[in-house]
Amino acid sequence: MVTTPPARGRRLVYAPELDGRADPGEIVWAWVPYEEDPARGKDRPVLVVGRDGATLLGLMLSSNAERDGQPHWYALGTGAWDRQQRPSWVRLDRVLLVREDGIRREGDILSRPRFEAIARVLREKYGWQ
């Protein structure tokens, strides 16, 4: 997995399909390296926001309540991706490039209104299309 800063011109698409492939609008679980030590990391939920062949563009989720109100974090709420139904936040300024074969399991399909709310922030603050 590689992480990159948000790039201008990234195109957002909402296209979840129950076809066994990870699609934009779905939350999946994948290994995410720690920023301070990329050799270490943990399995966590990732919102798929784009695709380039077998590479997914994703935004990591956190259930750490300290994220509430922090810059670059969007309050997402609860969902089936977290079995304990804890509130989650989406990190908007760290884009993950995840190989499709690196997905551990599917977590949930995010509703279109929730996806569009995140997309709106990405377009306004980070220059996504």
N, C-alpha and C. Protein backbone atom coordinates (compact mmCIF):
# COMPACT_ATOMS: atom_id res chain seq x y z
N MET A 1 0.85 -1.18 0.00
CA MET A 1 0.00 0.00 0.00
C MET A 1 0.88 1.23 0.00
N VAL A 2 0.49 2.22 -0.77
CA VAL A 2 1.19 3.49 -0.84
C VAL A 2 0.21 4.57 -0.40
N THR A 3 0.71 5.58 0.30
CA THR A 3 -0.15 6.71 0.64
C THR A 3 0.35 7.92 -0.09
N THR A 4 -0.57 8.77 -0.49
CA THR A 4 -0.21 9.98 -1.20
C THR A 4 -1.03 11.13 -0.66
N PRO A 5 -0.54 12.36 -0.79
CA PRO A 5 -1.36 13.50 -0.40
C PRO A 5 -2.48 13.68 -1.41
N PRO A 6 -3.56 14.35 -1.04
CA PRO A 6 -4.63 14.59 -2.01
C PRO A 6 -4.08 15.34 -3.22
N ALA A 7 -4.53 14.95 -4.39
CA ALA A 7 -4.08 15.60 -5.62
C ALA A 7 -5.26 16.29 -6.28
N ARG A 8 -5.00 17.44 -6.85
CA ARG A 8 -6.06 18.16 -7.55
C ARG A 8 -6.50 17.34 -8.76
N GLY A 9 -7.77 17.36 -9.02
CA GLY A 9 -8.28 16.71 -10.21
C GLY A 9 -8.69 15.27 -10.03
N ARG A 10 -8.61 14.72 -8.84
CA ARG A 10 -9.08 13.36 -8.65
C ARG A 10 -10.59 13.35 -8.83
N ARG A 11 -11.07 12.33 -9.50
CA ARG A 11 -12.49 12.24 -9.84
C ARG A 11 -13.20 11.28 -8.90
N LEU A 12 -14.28 11.75 -8.28
CA LEU A 12 -15.09 10.96 -7.37
C LEU A 12 -16.27 10.34 -8.10
N VAL A 13 -16.51 9.08 -7.82
CA VAL A 13 -17.62 8.37 -8.43
C VAL A 13 -18.27 7.51 -7.36
N TYR A 14 -19.58 7.47 -7.35
CA TYR A 14 -20.31 6.59 -6.44
C TYR A 14 -20.84 5.44 -7.28
N ALA A 15 -20.30 4.23 -7.10
CA ALA A 15 -20.69 3.12 -7.95
C ALA A 15 -20.61 1.77 -7.24
N PRO A 16 -21.22 1.64 -6.05
CA PRO A 16 -21.15 0.34 -5.38
C PRO A 16 -21.98 -0.71 -6.12
N GLU A 17 -21.43 -1.91 -6.22
CA GLU A 17 -22.13 -3.04 -6.83
C GLU A 17 -21.82 -4.27 -6.00
N LEU A 18 -22.80 -5.07 -5.75
CA LEU A 18 -22.58 -6.30 -5.00
C LEU A 18 -22.09 -7.39 -5.94
N ASP A 19 -20.85 -7.20 -6.41
CA ASP A 19 -20.28 -8.11 -7.39
C ASP A 19 -18.99 -8.77 -6.91
N GLY A 20 -18.66 -8.59 -5.63
CA GLY A 20 -17.44 -9.20 -5.10
C GLY A 20 -16.20 -8.35 -5.27
N ARG A 21 -16.29 -7.27 -6.02
CA ARG A 21 -15.17 -6.35 -6.19
C ARG A 21 -15.42 -5.12 -5.33
N ALA A 22 -14.35 -4.51 -4.84
CA ALA A 22 -14.48 -3.27 -4.07
C ALA A 22 -14.73 -2.11 -5.04
N ASP A 23 -15.78 -1.37 -4.79
CA ASP A 23 -16.18 -0.28 -5.68
C ASP A 23 -16.28 1.02 -4.90
N PRO A 24 -16.16 2.16 -5.58
CA PRO A 24 -16.36 3.44 -4.91
C PRO A 24 -17.73 3.52 -4.24
N GLY A 25 -17.71 3.92 -2.98
CA GLY A 25 -18.92 3.97 -2.19
C GLY A 25 -19.01 2.83 -1.18
N GLU A 26 -18.07 1.88 -1.28
CA GLU A 26 -18.05 0.76 -0.34
C GLU A 26 -16.96 0.99 0.71
N ILE A 27 -17.21 0.47 1.88
CA ILE A 27 -16.19 0.48 2.93
C ILE A 27 -15.68 -0.95 3.05
N VAL A 28 -14.38 -1.09 2.93
CA VAL A 28 -13.72 -2.40 3.00
C VAL A 28 -12.65 -2.35 4.09
N TRP A 29 -12.12 -3.49 4.43
CA TRP A 29 -11.04 -3.56 5.42
C TRP A 29 -9.74 -3.89 4.70
N ALA A 30 -8.69 -3.14 5.05
CA ALA A 30 -7.38 -3.35 4.44
C ALA A 30 -6.29 -2.97 5.44
N TRP A 31 -5.10 -3.44 5.18
CA TRP A 31 -3.94 -3.11 5.99
C TRP A 31 -3.53 -1.68 5.68
N VAL A 32 -3.43 -0.84 6.72
CA VAL A 32 -3.05 0.56 6.54
C VAL A 32 -1.79 0.82 7.37
N PRO A 33 -0.69 1.22 6.72
CA PRO A 33 0.55 1.48 7.47
C PRO A 33 0.43 2.76 8.29
N TYR A 34 1.13 2.78 9.41
CA TYR A 34 1.21 3.99 10.23
C TYR A 34 2.08 5.00 9.50
N GLU A 35 1.73 6.27 9.58
CA GLU A 35 2.52 7.31 8.93
C GLU A 35 3.92 7.41 9.52
N GLU A 36 4.00 7.30 10.85
CA GLU A 36 5.29 7.47 11.51
C GLU A 36 6.20 6.25 11.34
N ASP A 37 5.66 5.10 10.97
CA ASP A 37 6.46 3.89 10.77
C ASP A 37 5.74 3.01 9.75
N PRO A 38 5.99 3.23 8.45
CA PRO A 38 5.29 2.48 7.41
C PRO A 38 5.51 0.97 7.45
N ALA A 39 6.51 0.51 8.20
CA ALA A 39 6.72 -0.93 8.34
C ALA A 39 5.68 -1.55 9.27
N ARG A 40 4.99 -0.71 10.03
CA ARG A 40 3.96 -1.18 10.94
C ARG A 40 2.62 -0.58 10.52
N GLY A 41 1.54 -1.15 11.00
CA GLY A 41 0.22 -0.65 10.68
C GLY A 41 -0.83 -1.54 11.28
N LYS A 42 -2.07 -1.41 10.78
CA LYS A 42 -3.13 -2.28 11.27
C LYS A 42 -4.25 -2.39 10.26
N ASP A 43 -5.06 -3.40 10.42
CA ASP A 43 -6.24 -3.60 9.60
C ASP A 43 -7.28 -2.58 10.02
N ARG A 44 -7.82 -1.85 9.06
CA ARG A 44 -8.83 -0.85 9.41
C ARG A 44 -9.80 -0.66 8.24
N PRO A 45 -10.96 -0.05 8.52
CA PRO A 45 -11.90 0.21 7.44
C PRO A 45 -11.41 1.35 6.55
N VAL A 46 -11.69 1.21 5.26
CA VAL A 46 -11.26 2.19 4.25
C VAL A 46 -12.46 2.45 3.33
N LEU A 47 -12.79 3.72 3.14
CA LEU A 47 -13.84 4.11 2.20
C LEU A 47 -13.22 4.20 0.81
N VAL A 48 -13.71 3.39 -0.11
CA VAL A 48 -13.23 3.44 -1.50
C VAL A 48 -13.90 4.62 -2.18
N VAL A 49 -13.07 5.52 -2.75
CA VAL A 49 -13.60 6.71 -3.42
C VAL A 49 -13.25 6.74 -4.90
N GLY A 50 -12.43 5.80 -5.37
CA GLY A 50 -12.06 5.76 -6.78
C GLY A 50 -11.36 4.47 -7.10
N ARG A 51 -11.13 4.26 -8.39
CA ARG A 51 -10.47 3.05 -8.86
C ARG A 51 -9.65 3.39 -10.10
N ASP A 52 -8.49 2.74 -10.19
CA ASP A 52 -7.66 2.81 -11.38
C ASP A 52 -7.22 1.38 -11.66
N GLY A 53 -7.98 0.67 -12.45
CA GLY A 53 -7.71 -0.74 -12.70
C GLY A 53 -7.88 -1.54 -11.42
N ALA A 54 -6.80 -2.23 -11.01
CA ALA A 54 -6.84 -3.04 -9.79
C ALA A 54 -6.38 -2.26 -8.55
N THR A 55 -6.16 -0.95 -8.72
CA THR A 55 -5.75 -0.11 -7.60
C THR A 55 -6.92 0.75 -7.16
N LEU A 56 -7.20 0.72 -5.86
CA LEU A 56 -8.30 1.50 -5.29
C LEU A 56 -7.76 2.74 -4.62
N LEU A 57 -8.49 3.83 -4.73
CA LEU A 57 -8.21 5.04 -3.95
C LEU A 57 -9.12 4.98 -2.74
N GLY A 58 -8.54 5.11 -1.56
CA GLY A 58 -9.33 4.98 -0.36
C GLY A 58 -8.98 6.02 0.68
N LEU A 59 -9.92 6.23 1.60
CA LEU A 59 -9.75 7.11 2.75
C LEU A 59 -9.98 6.28 4.00
N MET A 60 -9.02 6.33 4.92
CA MET A 60 -9.14 5.50 6.11
C MET A 60 -10.16 6.05 7.09
N LEU A 61 -10.75 5.15 7.85
CA LEU A 61 -11.69 5.50 8.90
C LEU A 61 -11.04 5.25 10.25
N SER A 62 -11.48 6.00 11.24
CA SER A 62 -11.02 5.83 12.61
C SER A 62 -12.22 5.91 13.54
N SER A 63 -12.19 5.10 14.59
CA SER A 63 -13.25 5.18 15.61
C SER A 63 -12.75 5.92 16.84
N ASN A 64 -11.59 6.56 16.73
CA ASN A 64 -11.01 7.32 17.83
C ASN A 64 -11.77 8.64 17.98
N ALA A 65 -12.47 8.79 19.10
CA ALA A 65 -13.30 9.98 19.32
C ALA A 65 -12.50 11.27 19.36
N GLU A 66 -11.19 11.18 19.54
CA GLU A 66 -10.35 12.39 19.53
C GLU A 66 -10.34 13.05 18.15
N ARG A 67 -10.77 12.32 17.13
CA ARG A 67 -10.81 12.87 15.76
C ARG A 67 -11.93 13.91 15.60
N ASP A 68 -12.92 13.88 16.49
CA ASP A 68 -14.06 14.78 16.37
C ASP A 68 -13.60 16.23 16.41
N GLY A 69 -13.91 16.96 15.34
CA GLY A 69 -13.57 18.38 15.26
C GLY A 69 -12.16 18.67 14.78
N GLN A 70 -11.34 17.62 14.57
CA GLN A 70 -9.97 17.85 14.09
C GLN A 70 -9.98 18.20 12.61
N PRO A 71 -9.03 19.06 12.20
CA PRO A 71 -8.92 19.37 10.77
C PRO A 71 -8.66 18.10 9.96
N HIS A 72 -9.16 18.04 8.79
CA HIS A 72 -8.96 16.95 7.84
C HIS A 72 -9.69 15.66 8.22
N TRP A 73 -10.56 15.70 9.21
CA TRP A 73 -11.38 14.54 9.58
C TRP A 73 -12.85 14.91 9.43
N TYR A 74 -13.62 14.00 8.85
CA TYR A 74 -15.05 14.21 8.64
C TYR A 74 -15.82 13.21 9.50
N ALA A 75 -16.76 13.70 10.30
CA ALA A 75 -17.58 12.84 11.15
C ALA A 75 -18.57 12.06 10.29
N LEU A 76 -18.40 10.75 10.25
CA LEU A 76 -19.22 9.89 9.39
C LEU A 76 -20.39 9.26 10.14
N GLY A 77 -20.22 9.02 11.43
CA GLY A 77 -21.27 8.34 12.20
C GLY A 77 -21.02 6.85 12.27
N THR A 78 -22.07 6.09 12.49
CA THR A 78 -21.94 4.65 12.67
C THR A 78 -22.36 3.90 11.42
N GLY A 79 -21.96 2.63 11.37
CA GLY A 79 -22.33 1.78 10.24
C GLY A 79 -21.92 0.35 10.48
N ALA A 80 -22.35 -0.52 9.58
CA ALA A 80 -22.09 -1.96 9.71
C ALA A 80 -20.62 -2.32 9.56
N TRP A 81 -19.76 -1.40 9.10
CA TRP A 81 -18.33 -1.69 8.99
C TRP A 81 -17.71 -1.89 10.37
N ASP A 82 -18.35 -1.38 11.42
CA ASP A 82 -17.85 -1.53 12.79
C ASP A 82 -18.86 -2.36 13.58
N ARG A 83 -18.44 -3.56 13.95
CA ARG A 83 -19.36 -4.47 14.64
C ARG A 83 -19.83 -3.92 15.98
N GLN A 84 -19.05 -3.01 16.57
CA GLN A 84 -19.42 -2.43 17.86
C GLN A 84 -20.28 -1.17 17.68
N GLN A 85 -20.53 -0.78 16.43
CA GLN A 85 -21.36 0.39 16.12
C GLN A 85 -20.83 1.69 16.73
N ARG A 86 -19.49 1.81 16.76
CA ARG A 86 -18.88 3.05 17.25
C ARG A 86 -18.94 4.10 16.15
N PRO A 87 -19.06 5.38 16.52
CA PRO A 87 -18.96 6.44 15.51
C PRO A 87 -17.59 6.41 14.85
N SER A 88 -17.56 6.77 13.58
CA SER A 88 -16.30 6.80 12.82
C SER A 88 -16.10 8.16 12.19
N TRP A 89 -14.83 8.45 11.90
CA TRP A 89 -14.42 9.66 11.21
C TRP A 89 -13.58 9.23 10.01
N VAL A 90 -13.70 9.98 8.90
CA VAL A 90 -12.95 9.71 7.66
C VAL A 90 -11.84 10.73 7.56
N ARG A 91 -10.64 10.25 7.31
CA ARG A 91 -9.50 11.16 7.12
C ARG A 91 -9.47 11.60 5.66
N LEU A 92 -9.53 12.91 5.44
CA LEU A 92 -9.66 13.46 4.09
C LEU A 92 -8.34 13.82 3.43
N ASP A 93 -7.27 13.96 4.21
CA ASP A 93 -6.01 14.45 3.64
C ASP A 93 -4.96 13.37 3.45
N ARG A 94 -5.33 12.12 3.59
CA ARG A 94 -4.39 11.01 3.36
C ARG A 94 -5.07 10.00 2.45
N VAL A 95 -4.68 10.00 1.19
CA VAL A 95 -5.27 9.10 0.21
C VAL A 95 -4.45 7.82 0.17
N LEU A 96 -5.13 6.70 0.29
CA LEU A 96 -4.47 5.40 0.27
C LEU A 96 -4.64 4.78 -1.10
N LEU A 97 -3.57 4.23 -1.63
CA LEU A 97 -3.64 3.44 -2.86
C LEU A 97 -3.55 1.98 -2.43
N VAL A 98 -4.65 1.27 -2.60
CA VAL A 98 -4.75 -0.10 -2.11
C VAL A 98 -4.94 -1.03 -3.29
N ARG A 99 -4.08 -2.04 -3.38
CA ARG A 99 -4.28 -3.06 -4.42
C ARG A 99 -5.54 -3.84 -4.06
N GLU A 100 -6.34 -4.13 -5.05
CA GLU A 100 -7.59 -4.84 -4.80
C GLU A 100 -7.36 -6.17 -4.09
N ASP A 101 -6.28 -6.83 -4.39
CA ASP A 101 -6.02 -8.11 -3.72
C ASP A 101 -5.54 -7.91 -2.28
N GLY A 102 -5.39 -6.65 -1.84
CA GLY A 102 -5.03 -6.35 -0.47
C GLY A 102 -6.23 -6.15 0.44
N ILE A 103 -7.42 -6.26 -0.12
CA ILE A 103 -8.64 -6.11 0.67
C ILE A 103 -8.83 -7.36 1.51
N ARG A 104 -9.11 -7.17 2.80
CA ARG A 104 -9.31 -8.30 3.70
C ARG A 104 -10.77 -8.78 3.71
N ARG A 105 -11.68 -7.82 3.76
CA ARG A 105 -13.10 -8.17 3.77
C ARG A 105 -13.93 -6.93 3.48
N GLU A 106 -15.15 -7.17 3.05
CA GLU A 106 -16.07 -6.05 2.81
C GLU A 106 -16.72 -5.66 4.12
N GLY A 107 -16.99 -4.37 4.30
CA GLY A 107 -17.59 -3.90 5.52
C GLY A 107 -19.00 -3.38 5.36
N ASP A 108 -19.25 -2.60 4.31
CA ASP A 108 -20.57 -1.98 4.17
C ASP A 108 -20.60 -1.18 2.87
N ILE A 109 -21.80 -0.84 2.45
CA ILE A 109 -21.99 0.13 1.38
C ILE A 109 -22.46 1.41 2.04
N LEU A 110 -21.75 2.49 1.79
CA LEU A 110 -22.12 3.78 2.34
C LEU A 110 -23.29 4.33 1.53
N SER A 111 -24.26 4.91 2.19
CA SER A 111 -25.40 5.46 1.45
C SER A 111 -24.92 6.61 0.55
N ARG A 112 -25.63 6.80 -0.53
CA ARG A 112 -25.26 7.87 -1.47
C ARG A 112 -25.22 9.24 -0.80
N PRO A 113 -26.21 9.62 0.04
CA PRO A 113 -26.13 10.94 0.68
C PRO A 113 -24.89 11.10 1.56
N ARG A 114 -24.49 10.06 2.26
CA ARG A 114 -23.29 10.16 3.10
C ARG A 114 -22.03 10.27 2.23
N PHE A 115 -21.98 9.49 1.14
CA PHE A 115 -20.85 9.56 0.22
C PHE A 115 -20.77 10.95 -0.40
N GLU A 116 -21.91 11.48 -0.84
CA GLU A 116 -21.93 12.80 -1.48
C GLU A 116 -21.53 13.91 -0.51
N ALA A 117 -21.84 13.76 0.77
CA ALA A 117 -21.42 14.76 1.76
C ALA A 117 -19.89 14.79 1.86
N ILE A 118 -19.28 13.61 1.86
CA ILE A 118 -17.80 13.53 1.89
C ILE A 118 -17.24 14.08 0.58
N ALA A 119 -17.85 13.70 -0.53
CA ALA A 119 -17.39 14.16 -1.85
C ALA A 119 -17.44 15.68 -1.94
N ARG A 120 -18.48 16.28 -1.38
CA ARG A 120 -18.62 17.74 -1.40
C ARG A 120 -17.43 18.40 -0.69
N VAL A 121 -17.05 17.87 0.47
CA VAL A 121 -15.91 18.42 1.21
C VAL A 121 -14.62 18.21 0.41
N LEU A 122 -14.44 17.05 -0.18
CA LEU A 122 -13.24 16.79 -0.98
C LEU A 122 -13.16 17.73 -2.17
N ARG A 123 -14.28 18.03 -2.78
CA ARG A 123 -14.29 18.95 -3.92
C ARG A 123 -13.98 20.38 -3.49
N GLU A 124 -14.63 20.81 -2.40
CA GLU A 124 -14.47 22.20 -1.95
C GLU A 124 -13.11 22.48 -1.34
N LYS A 125 -12.60 21.58 -0.52
CA LYS A 125 -11.36 21.85 0.22
C LYS A 125 -10.10 21.24 -0.39
N TYR A 126 -10.27 20.21 -1.22
CA TYR A 126 -9.09 19.50 -1.72
C TYR A 126 -9.01 19.45 -3.24
N GLY A 127 -9.95 20.08 -3.94
CA GLY A 127 -9.86 20.19 -5.40
C GLY A 127 -10.21 18.94 -6.17
N TRP A 128 -10.90 18.00 -5.55
CA TRP A 128 -11.33 16.81 -6.29
C TRP A 128 -12.42 17.20 -7.28
N GLN A 129 -12.65 16.34 -8.27
CA GLN A 129 -13.70 16.58 -9.26
C GLN A 129 -14.89 15.71 -8.96
